[in-house]
Amino acid sequence: MRSEQDDGLNVYISLRETHTYVISTIYRKMKCFKHREENAVGLCKSCGRSLCPDCYTEVGDSLCCKGKCEEKVKILNSMIEKNSQILSTSNQAMKSAAKFSLMMGILFMGFGAWHLSNDRGSLSYFLLALGAGFVVNGILRSRKSTQFPNEG
């Protein structure tokens, strides 16, 4: 961690791998929860307290209270990672369901058209309507699957 002067205020910058965290103006005006005279450099991910350089530690890409919230933040980070994996799986399932629904809609509409060409009555209209419903469902599902962000 290094400190730089910016308009008479200390700005703390933490360099970690390719990420650079620059503390915003809000944090420069905030004071540490424990050391009221020290400027805060961030907030604890677990309890939300403002932290000075002496009070924080980094857990993954997160700041937390040194000696107090590390385990909670590790659990929160693992929950976020698991949720991103679940989101990726649900995106795949949504896309598969959309494809299946479209295929079933085309199949039912094909059977309905074949049935209608043989002049077999009201069943053909039912099959066409069922196929149209599946196609609409597939289109709506494919649009819904694009609303979720892709997590890597």
N, C-alpha and C. Protein backbone atom coordinates (compact mmCIF):
# COMPACT_ATOMS: atom_id res chain seq x y z
N MET A 1 0.86 -1.16 0.00
CA MET A 1 0.00 0.00 0.00
C MET A 1 0.90 1.22 0.00
N ARG A 2 0.51 2.24 -0.73
CA ARG A 2 1.27 3.49 -0.75
C ARG A 2 0.31 4.65 -0.53
N SER A 3 0.85 5.77 -0.10
CA SER A 3 0.04 6.94 0.19
C SER A 3 0.48 8.07 -0.73
N GLU A 4 -0.47 8.84 -1.25
CA GLU A 4 -0.18 9.99 -2.10
C GLU A 4 -0.92 11.19 -1.58
N GLN A 5 -0.39 12.39 -1.82
CA GLN A 5 -1.06 13.62 -1.47
C GLN A 5 -1.99 14.04 -2.60
N ASP A 6 -3.21 14.43 -2.29
CA ASP A 6 -4.17 14.89 -3.28
C ASP A 6 -4.96 16.03 -2.66
N ASP A 7 -4.67 17.28 -3.04
CA ASP A 7 -5.33 18.46 -2.49
C ASP A 7 -5.23 18.51 -0.96
N GLY A 8 -4.10 18.15 -0.42
CA GLY A 8 -3.90 18.21 1.02
C GLY A 8 -4.47 17.04 1.79
N LEU A 9 -5.12 16.08 1.10
CA LEU A 9 -5.68 14.91 1.77
C LEU A 9 -4.88 13.68 1.37
N ASN A 10 -4.74 12.78 2.29
CA ASN A 10 -4.06 11.54 1.96
C ASN A 10 -5.00 10.62 1.21
N VAL A 11 -4.53 10.06 0.10
CA VAL A 11 -5.29 9.09 -0.66
C VAL A 11 -4.51 7.79 -0.60
N TYR A 12 -5.13 6.74 -0.10
CA TYR A 12 -4.47 5.45 0.02
C TYR A 12 -4.82 4.60 -1.18
N ILE A 13 -3.81 4.05 -1.79
CA ILE A 13 -3.99 3.23 -2.98
C ILE A 13 -3.44 1.84 -2.67
N SER A 14 -4.25 0.84 -2.89
CA SER A 14 -3.83 -0.54 -2.69
C SER A 14 -3.63 -1.18 -4.05
N LEU A 15 -2.41 -1.63 -4.33
CA LEU A 15 -2.14 -2.28 -5.60
C LEU A 15 -2.21 -3.79 -5.38
N ARG A 16 -3.05 -4.45 -6.13
CA ARG A 16 -3.21 -5.90 -5.98
C ARG A 16 -3.39 -6.47 -7.37
N GLU A 17 -2.42 -7.30 -7.78
CA GLU A 17 -2.39 -7.90 -9.10
C GLU A 17 -2.64 -6.83 -10.16
N THR A 18 -3.67 -6.94 -10.97
CA THR A 18 -3.92 -5.94 -12.01
C THR A 18 -4.96 -4.92 -11.58
N HIS A 19 -5.50 -5.05 -10.38
CA HIS A 19 -6.54 -4.13 -9.91
C HIS A 19 -5.90 -2.99 -9.13
N THR A 20 -6.34 -1.81 -9.34
CA THR A 20 -5.92 -0.66 -8.55
C THR A 20 -7.16 -0.04 -7.94
N TYR A 21 -7.12 0.10 -6.64
CA TYR A 21 -8.25 0.67 -5.93
C TYR A 21 -7.88 2.10 -5.53
N VAL A 22 -8.61 3.05 -6.01
CA VAL A 22 -8.41 4.44 -5.63
C VAL A 22 -9.59 4.86 -4.78
N ILE A 23 -9.30 5.37 -3.63
CA ILE A 23 -10.35 5.72 -2.69
C ILE A 23 -11.05 7.00 -3.14
N SER A 24 -12.35 6.99 -3.11
CA SER A 24 -13.13 8.13 -3.60
C SER A 24 -13.14 9.28 -2.58
N THR A 25 -13.67 10.39 -2.98
CA THR A 25 -13.74 11.58 -2.13
C THR A 25 -14.53 11.29 -0.86
N ILE A 26 -15.55 10.46 -0.96
CA ILE A 26 -16.37 10.13 0.21
C ILE A 26 -15.50 9.51 1.29
N TYR A 27 -14.64 8.55 0.92
CA TYR A 27 -13.80 7.89 1.91
C TYR A 27 -12.76 8.83 2.48
N ARG A 28 -12.30 9.81 1.69
CA ARG A 28 -11.31 10.76 2.19
C ARG A 28 -11.92 11.65 3.28
N LYS A 29 -13.22 11.88 3.25
CA LYS A 29 -13.86 12.71 4.25
C LYS A 29 -14.33 11.89 5.45
N MET A 30 -14.44 10.58 5.28
CA MET A 30 -14.87 9.72 6.38
C MET A 30 -13.71 9.46 7.33
N LYS A 31 -14.02 9.23 8.57
CA LYS A 31 -13.01 8.91 9.59
C LYS A 31 -13.17 7.46 10.01
N CYS A 32 -12.08 6.89 10.47
CA CYS A 32 -12.06 5.49 10.91
C CYS A 32 -13.02 5.32 12.10
N PHE A 33 -13.70 4.18 12.13
CA PHE A 33 -14.64 3.88 13.22
C PHE A 33 -13.92 3.82 14.56
N LYS A 34 -12.72 3.25 14.58
CA LYS A 34 -11.96 3.06 15.81
C LYS A 34 -11.04 4.24 16.12
N HIS A 35 -10.37 4.75 15.11
CA HIS A 35 -9.43 5.86 15.26
C HIS A 35 -10.06 7.11 14.63
N ARG A 36 -10.79 7.86 15.39
CA ARG A 36 -11.61 8.96 14.89
C ARG A 36 -10.81 10.08 14.20
N GLU A 37 -9.51 10.15 14.43
CA GLU A 37 -8.71 11.19 13.80
C GLU A 37 -8.14 10.75 12.45
N GLU A 38 -8.16 9.46 12.15
CA GLU A 38 -7.61 8.91 10.91
C GLU A 38 -8.65 8.91 9.80
N ASN A 39 -8.21 9.23 8.59
CA ASN A 39 -9.10 9.14 7.43
C ASN A 39 -9.37 7.68 7.10
N ALA A 40 -10.60 7.40 6.72
CA ALA A 40 -10.96 6.05 6.31
C ALA A 40 -10.51 5.80 4.88
N VAL A 41 -10.11 4.56 4.61
CA VAL A 41 -9.71 4.18 3.26
C VAL A 41 -10.73 3.25 2.60
N GLY A 42 -11.71 2.80 3.37
CA GLY A 42 -12.73 1.92 2.82
C GLY A 42 -13.69 1.47 3.89
N LEU A 43 -14.61 0.62 3.48
CA LEU A 43 -15.62 0.08 4.39
C LEU A 43 -15.45 -1.42 4.50
N CYS A 44 -15.71 -1.94 5.69
CA CYS A 44 -15.67 -3.38 5.90
C CYS A 44 -16.83 -4.02 5.13
N LYS A 45 -16.54 -5.07 4.40
CA LYS A 45 -17.57 -5.74 3.61
C LYS A 45 -18.59 -6.44 4.51
N SER A 46 -18.18 -6.82 5.72
CA SER A 46 -19.08 -7.53 6.60
C SER A 46 -19.92 -6.61 7.46
N CYS A 47 -19.29 -5.71 8.21
CA CYS A 47 -20.04 -4.88 9.16
C CYS A 47 -20.28 -3.46 8.68
N GLY A 48 -19.61 -3.03 7.60
CA GLY A 48 -19.85 -1.72 7.03
C GLY A 48 -19.16 -0.58 7.73
N ARG A 49 -18.28 -0.88 8.71
CA ARG A 49 -17.57 0.19 9.42
C ARG A 49 -16.49 0.80 8.52
N SER A 50 -16.25 2.10 8.70
CA SER A 50 -15.17 2.76 7.97
C SER A 50 -13.84 2.39 8.62
N LEU A 51 -12.84 2.16 7.77
CA LEU A 51 -11.56 1.63 8.26
C LEU A 51 -10.39 2.48 7.80
N CYS A 52 -9.41 2.68 8.70
CA CYS A 52 -8.16 3.35 8.35
C CYS A 52 -7.14 2.28 7.95
N PRO A 53 -5.96 2.67 7.47
CA PRO A 53 -4.97 1.67 7.05
C PRO A 53 -4.54 0.72 8.16
N ASP A 54 -4.59 1.14 9.42
CA ASP A 54 -4.19 0.27 10.53
C ASP A 54 -5.27 -0.76 10.88
N CYS A 55 -6.50 -0.48 10.52
CA CYS A 55 -7.62 -1.32 10.95
C CYS A 55 -8.11 -2.31 9.89
N TYR A 56 -7.67 -2.19 8.64
CA TYR A 56 -8.23 -3.08 7.62
C TYR A 56 -7.23 -4.13 7.18
N THR A 57 -7.77 -5.17 6.63
CA THR A 57 -6.99 -6.20 5.95
C THR A 57 -7.75 -6.57 4.68
N GLU A 58 -7.01 -7.06 3.70
CA GLU A 58 -7.64 -7.47 2.44
C GLU A 58 -7.88 -8.97 2.45
N VAL A 59 -9.09 -9.35 2.13
CA VAL A 59 -9.45 -10.76 1.98
C VAL A 59 -10.00 -10.89 0.56
N GLY A 60 -9.23 -11.51 -0.31
CA GLY A 60 -9.61 -11.57 -1.72
C GLY A 60 -9.56 -10.16 -2.27
N ASP A 61 -10.64 -9.70 -2.86
CA ASP A 61 -10.74 -8.34 -3.38
C ASP A 61 -11.55 -7.45 -2.45
N SER A 62 -11.64 -7.81 -1.18
CA SER A 62 -12.49 -7.10 -0.24
C SER A 62 -11.68 -6.56 0.93
N LEU A 63 -12.20 -5.49 1.53
CA LEU A 63 -11.63 -4.95 2.77
C LEU A 63 -12.48 -5.43 3.93
N CYS A 64 -11.83 -5.66 5.07
CA CYS A 64 -12.58 -6.04 6.26
C CYS A 64 -11.80 -5.63 7.51
N CYS A 65 -12.47 -5.65 8.65
CA CYS A 65 -11.85 -5.32 9.92
C CYS A 65 -10.78 -6.36 10.25
N LYS A 66 -9.59 -5.86 10.58
CA LYS A 66 -8.47 -6.75 10.91
C LYS A 66 -8.76 -7.48 12.21
N GLY A 67 -8.66 -8.80 12.17
CA GLY A 67 -8.84 -9.60 13.37
C GLY A 67 -10.27 -9.80 13.81
N LYS A 68 -11.23 -9.29 13.06
CA LYS A 68 -12.63 -9.39 13.49
C LYS A 68 -13.54 -10.02 12.44
N CYS A 69 -13.47 -9.54 11.21
CA CYS A 69 -14.46 -9.92 10.20
C CYS A 69 -13.89 -10.79 9.06
N GLU A 70 -12.65 -11.26 9.19
CA GLU A 70 -12.05 -12.01 8.08
C GLU A 70 -12.85 -13.25 7.70
N GLU A 71 -13.29 -14.02 8.69
CA GLU A 71 -14.01 -15.26 8.39
C GLU A 71 -15.36 -14.96 7.72
N LYS A 72 -16.04 -13.95 8.22
CA LYS A 72 -17.33 -13.58 7.62
C LYS A 72 -17.16 -13.14 6.18
N VAL A 73 -16.09 -12.38 5.90
CA VAL A 73 -15.85 -11.90 4.54
C VAL A 73 -15.44 -13.07 3.64
N LYS A 74 -14.67 -14.02 4.16
CA LYS A 74 -14.34 -15.21 3.36
C LYS A 74 -15.61 -15.96 2.98
N ILE A 75 -16.53 -16.07 3.93
CA ILE A 75 -17.81 -16.75 3.65
C ILE A 75 -18.61 -15.96 2.62
N LEU A 76 -18.69 -14.63 2.78
CA LEU A 76 -19.41 -13.79 1.81
C LEU A 76 -18.80 -13.93 0.41
N ASN A 77 -17.47 -13.91 0.33
CA ASN A 77 -16.81 -14.05 -0.98
C ASN A 77 -17.10 -15.41 -1.61
N SER A 78 -17.11 -16.47 -0.78
CA SER A 78 -17.41 -17.80 -1.34
C SER A 78 -18.87 -17.88 -1.78
N MET A 79 -19.77 -17.21 -1.05
CA MET A 79 -21.19 -17.19 -1.45
C MET A 79 -21.35 -16.45 -2.79
N ILE A 80 -20.63 -15.35 -2.95
CA ILE A 80 -20.71 -14.61 -4.21
C ILE A 80 -20.17 -15.46 -5.35
N GLU A 81 -19.09 -16.18 -5.13
CA GLU A 81 -18.52 -17.05 -6.17
C GLU A 81 -19.50 -18.17 -6.53
N LYS A 82 -20.11 -18.78 -5.52
CA LYS A 82 -21.10 -19.84 -5.79
C LYS A 82 -22.30 -19.29 -6.54
N ASN A 83 -22.75 -18.08 -6.18
CA ASN A 83 -23.89 -17.47 -6.87
C ASN A 83 -23.56 -17.19 -8.33
N SER A 84 -22.33 -16.79 -8.63
CA SER A 84 -21.97 -16.55 -10.03
C SER A 84 -21.95 -17.86 -10.80
N GLN A 85 -21.55 -18.97 -10.15
CA GLN A 85 -21.60 -20.28 -10.80
C GLN A 85 -23.05 -20.70 -11.04
N ILE A 86 -23.91 -20.46 -10.08
CA ILE A 86 -25.33 -20.80 -10.22
C ILE A 86 -25.95 -19.97 -11.33
N LEU A 87 -25.59 -18.70 -11.41
CA LEU A 87 -26.11 -17.82 -12.47
C LEU A 87 -25.70 -18.34 -13.84
N SER A 88 -24.47 -18.77 -13.96
CA SER A 88 -23.99 -19.32 -15.22
C SER A 88 -24.79 -20.58 -15.60
N THR A 89 -25.03 -21.45 -14.63
CA THR A 89 -25.80 -22.67 -14.87
C THR A 89 -27.24 -22.34 -15.24
N SER A 90 -27.83 -21.36 -14.55
CA SER A 90 -29.22 -21.01 -14.86
C SER A 90 -29.34 -20.37 -16.25
N ASN A 91 -28.31 -19.61 -16.65
CA ASN A 91 -28.32 -19.05 -18.00
C ASN A 91 -28.32 -20.18 -19.04
N GLN A 92 -27.49 -21.20 -18.83
CA GLN A 92 -27.45 -22.33 -19.75
C GLN A 92 -28.77 -23.07 -19.77
N ALA A 93 -29.38 -23.26 -18.59
CA ALA A 93 -30.66 -23.96 -18.52
C ALA A 93 -31.76 -23.16 -19.22
N MET A 94 -31.74 -21.85 -19.06
CA MET A 94 -32.73 -21.00 -19.71
C MET A 94 -32.61 -21.07 -21.24
N LYS A 95 -31.39 -21.06 -21.74
CA LYS A 95 -31.17 -21.15 -23.18
C LYS A 95 -31.60 -22.52 -23.71
N SER A 96 -31.30 -23.59 -22.96
CA SER A 96 -31.71 -24.92 -23.37
C SER A 96 -33.23 -25.06 -23.38
N ALA A 97 -33.89 -24.50 -22.37
CA ALA A 97 -35.35 -24.55 -22.32
C ALA A 97 -35.96 -23.77 -23.48
N ALA A 98 -35.35 -22.66 -23.86
CA ALA A 98 -35.86 -21.88 -24.99
C ALA A 98 -35.74 -22.67 -26.28
N LYS A 99 -34.60 -23.33 -26.48
CA LYS A 99 -34.41 -24.13 -27.69
C LYS A 99 -35.39 -25.30 -27.73
N PHE A 100 -35.57 -25.96 -26.59
CA PHE A 100 -36.50 -27.09 -26.52
C PHE A 100 -37.92 -26.63 -26.84
N SER A 101 -38.33 -25.51 -26.26
CA SER A 101 -39.68 -24.99 -26.50
C SER A 101 -39.88 -24.63 -27.97
N LEU A 102 -38.88 -24.00 -28.57
CA LEU A 102 -38.99 -23.67 -30.00
C LEU A 102 -39.10 -24.93 -30.86
N MET A 103 -38.29 -25.95 -30.54
CA MET A 103 -38.34 -27.20 -31.32
C MET A 103 -39.69 -27.88 -31.16
N MET A 104 -40.22 -27.91 -29.93
CA MET A 104 -41.53 -28.53 -29.71
C MET A 104 -42.62 -27.75 -30.43
N GLY A 105 -42.51 -26.41 -30.43
CA GLY A 105 -43.50 -25.59 -31.14
C GLY A 105 -43.50 -25.87 -32.63
N ILE A 106 -42.32 -25.97 -33.21
CA ILE A 106 -42.22 -26.28 -34.65
C ILE A 106 -42.77 -27.68 -34.93
N LEU A 107 -42.47 -28.62 -34.03
CA LEU A 107 -42.96 -29.99 -34.20
C LEU A 107 -44.50 -30.04 -34.14
N PHE A 108 -45.08 -29.42 -33.13
CA PHE A 108 -46.54 -29.41 -33.01
C PHE A 108 -47.20 -28.68 -34.18
N MET A 109 -46.61 -27.58 -34.59
CA MET A 109 -47.18 -26.85 -35.74
C MET A 109 -47.08 -27.68 -37.01
N GLY A 110 -45.99 -28.42 -37.15
CA GLY A 110 -45.85 -29.31 -38.31
C GLY A 110 -46.92 -30.40 -38.31
N PHE A 111 -47.11 -31.04 -37.12
CA PHE A 111 -48.16 -32.05 -37.03
C PHE A 111 -49.53 -31.44 -37.27
N GLY A 112 -49.76 -30.25 -36.75
CA GLY A 112 -51.05 -29.58 -36.96
C GLY A 112 -51.27 -29.27 -38.43
N ALA A 113 -50.23 -28.79 -39.13
CA ALA A 113 -50.36 -28.50 -40.57
C ALA A 113 -50.60 -29.79 -41.35
N TRP A 114 -49.87 -30.84 -41.00
CA TRP A 114 -50.07 -32.13 -41.67
C TRP A 114 -51.48 -32.64 -41.42
N HIS A 115 -51.92 -32.52 -40.18
CA HIS A 115 -53.26 -32.97 -39.81
C HIS A 115 -54.32 -32.15 -40.53
N LEU A 116 -54.10 -30.83 -40.67
CA LEU A 116 -55.04 -29.96 -41.35
C LEU A 116 -55.09 -30.27 -42.84
N SER A 117 -53.92 -30.62 -43.42
CA SER A 117 -53.89 -30.94 -44.86
C SER A 117 -54.66 -32.22 -45.16
N ASN A 118 -54.77 -33.11 -44.19
CA ASN A 118 -55.54 -34.35 -44.36
C ASN A 118 -57.00 -34.17 -43.94
N ASP A 119 -57.39 -32.92 -43.61
CA ASP A 119 -58.77 -32.59 -43.27
C ASP A 119 -59.30 -33.48 -42.16
N ARG A 120 -58.58 -33.41 -41.02
CA ARG A 120 -58.95 -34.28 -39.92
C ARG A 120 -59.69 -33.57 -38.79
N GLY A 121 -60.07 -32.32 -38.95
CA GLY A 121 -60.94 -31.68 -37.96
C GLY A 121 -60.24 -30.78 -36.97
N SER A 122 -60.87 -30.67 -35.80
CA SER A 122 -60.47 -29.68 -34.81
C SER A 122 -59.16 -30.01 -34.11
N LEU A 123 -58.71 -31.27 -34.15
CA LEU A 123 -57.44 -31.62 -33.53
C LEU A 123 -56.29 -30.85 -34.19
N SER A 124 -56.40 -30.63 -35.50
CA SER A 124 -55.33 -29.92 -36.19
C SER A 124 -55.23 -28.48 -35.69
N TYR A 125 -56.34 -27.82 -35.39
CA TYR A 125 -56.30 -26.46 -34.86
C TYR A 125 -55.71 -26.43 -33.45
N PHE A 126 -56.03 -27.46 -32.68
CA PHE A 126 -55.46 -27.58 -31.34
C PHE A 126 -53.95 -27.73 -31.42
N LEU A 127 -53.47 -28.59 -32.34
CA LEU A 127 -52.02 -28.78 -32.50
C LEU A 127 -51.34 -27.51 -32.99
N LEU A 128 -51.96 -26.78 -33.89
CA LEU A 128 -51.39 -25.51 -34.36
C LEU A 128 -51.33 -24.49 -33.22
N ALA A 129 -52.40 -24.41 -32.42
CA ALA A 129 -52.40 -23.47 -31.30
C ALA A 129 -51.37 -23.86 -30.24
N LEU A 130 -51.26 -25.14 -29.98
CA LEU A 130 -50.27 -25.63 -29.02
C LEU A 130 -48.86 -25.32 -29.53
N GLY A 131 -48.62 -25.56 -30.80
CA GLY A 131 -47.32 -25.24 -31.39
C GLY A 131 -47.01 -23.76 -31.32
N ALA A 132 -48.00 -22.92 -31.61
CA ALA A 132 -47.80 -21.47 -31.52
C ALA A 132 -47.47 -21.06 -30.09
N GLY A 133 -48.14 -21.67 -29.12
CA GLY A 133 -47.85 -21.39 -27.71
C GLY A 133 -46.42 -21.75 -27.34
N PHE A 134 -45.95 -22.90 -27.81
CA PHE A 134 -44.57 -23.30 -27.54
C PHE A 134 -43.58 -22.34 -28.20
N VAL A 135 -43.87 -21.90 -29.41
CA VAL A 135 -42.98 -20.96 -30.10
C VAL A 135 -42.91 -19.64 -29.34
N VAL A 136 -44.05 -19.12 -28.92
CA VAL A 136 -44.07 -17.87 -28.16
C VAL A 136 -43.30 -18.04 -26.85
N ASN A 137 -43.52 -19.16 -26.17
CA ASN A 137 -42.80 -19.45 -24.94
C ASN A 137 -41.29 -19.49 -25.19
N GLY A 138 -40.87 -20.12 -26.27
CA GLY A 138 -39.45 -20.20 -26.59
C GLY A 138 -38.84 -18.84 -26.86
N ILE A 139 -39.59 -17.99 -27.57
CA ILE A 139 -39.10 -16.64 -27.85
C ILE A 139 -38.97 -15.83 -26.56
N LEU A 140 -39.98 -15.93 -25.70
CA LEU A 140 -39.92 -15.20 -24.43
C LEU A 140 -38.79 -15.70 -23.55
N ARG A 141 -38.58 -17.01 -23.51
CA ARG A 141 -37.48 -17.56 -22.72
C ARG A 141 -36.12 -17.13 -23.27
N SER A 142 -35.98 -17.07 -24.58
CA SER A 142 -34.70 -16.67 -25.15
C SER A 142 -34.42 -15.20 -24.85
N ARG A 143 -35.46 -14.36 -24.82
CA ARG A 143 -35.27 -12.96 -24.44
C ARG A 143 -34.93 -12.84 -22.97
N LYS A 144 -35.55 -13.65 -22.14
CA LYS A 144 -35.30 -13.61 -20.70
C LYS A 144 -33.87 -14.05 -20.39
N SER A 145 -33.35 -15.00 -21.13
CA SER A 145 -31.99 -15.48 -20.86
C SER A 145 -30.93 -14.43 -21.20
N THR A 146 -31.27 -13.47 -22.06
CA THR A 146 -30.30 -12.42 -22.39
C THR A 146 -30.32 -11.28 -21.36
N GLN A 147 -31.29 -11.31 -20.42
CA GLN A 147 -31.35 -10.27 -19.40
C GLN A 147 -30.33 -10.49 -18.29
N PHE A 148 -29.85 -11.72 -18.12
CA PHE A 148 -28.90 -12.02 -17.06
C PHE A 148 -27.49 -11.78 -17.56
N PRO A 149 -26.62 -11.22 -16.73
CA PRO A 149 -25.23 -11.02 -17.16
C PRO A 149 -24.50 -12.35 -17.27
N ASN A 150 -23.55 -12.41 -18.17
CA ASN A 150 -22.74 -13.61 -18.30
C ASN A 150 -21.58 -13.52 -17.32
N GLU A 151 -21.48 -14.48 -16.45
CA GLU A 151 -20.39 -14.54 -15.47
C GLU A 151 -19.39 -15.56 -15.95
N GLY A 152 -18.15 -15.25 -15.77
CA GLY A 152 -17.10 -16.15 -16.24
C GLY A 152 -16.44 -16.92 -15.20
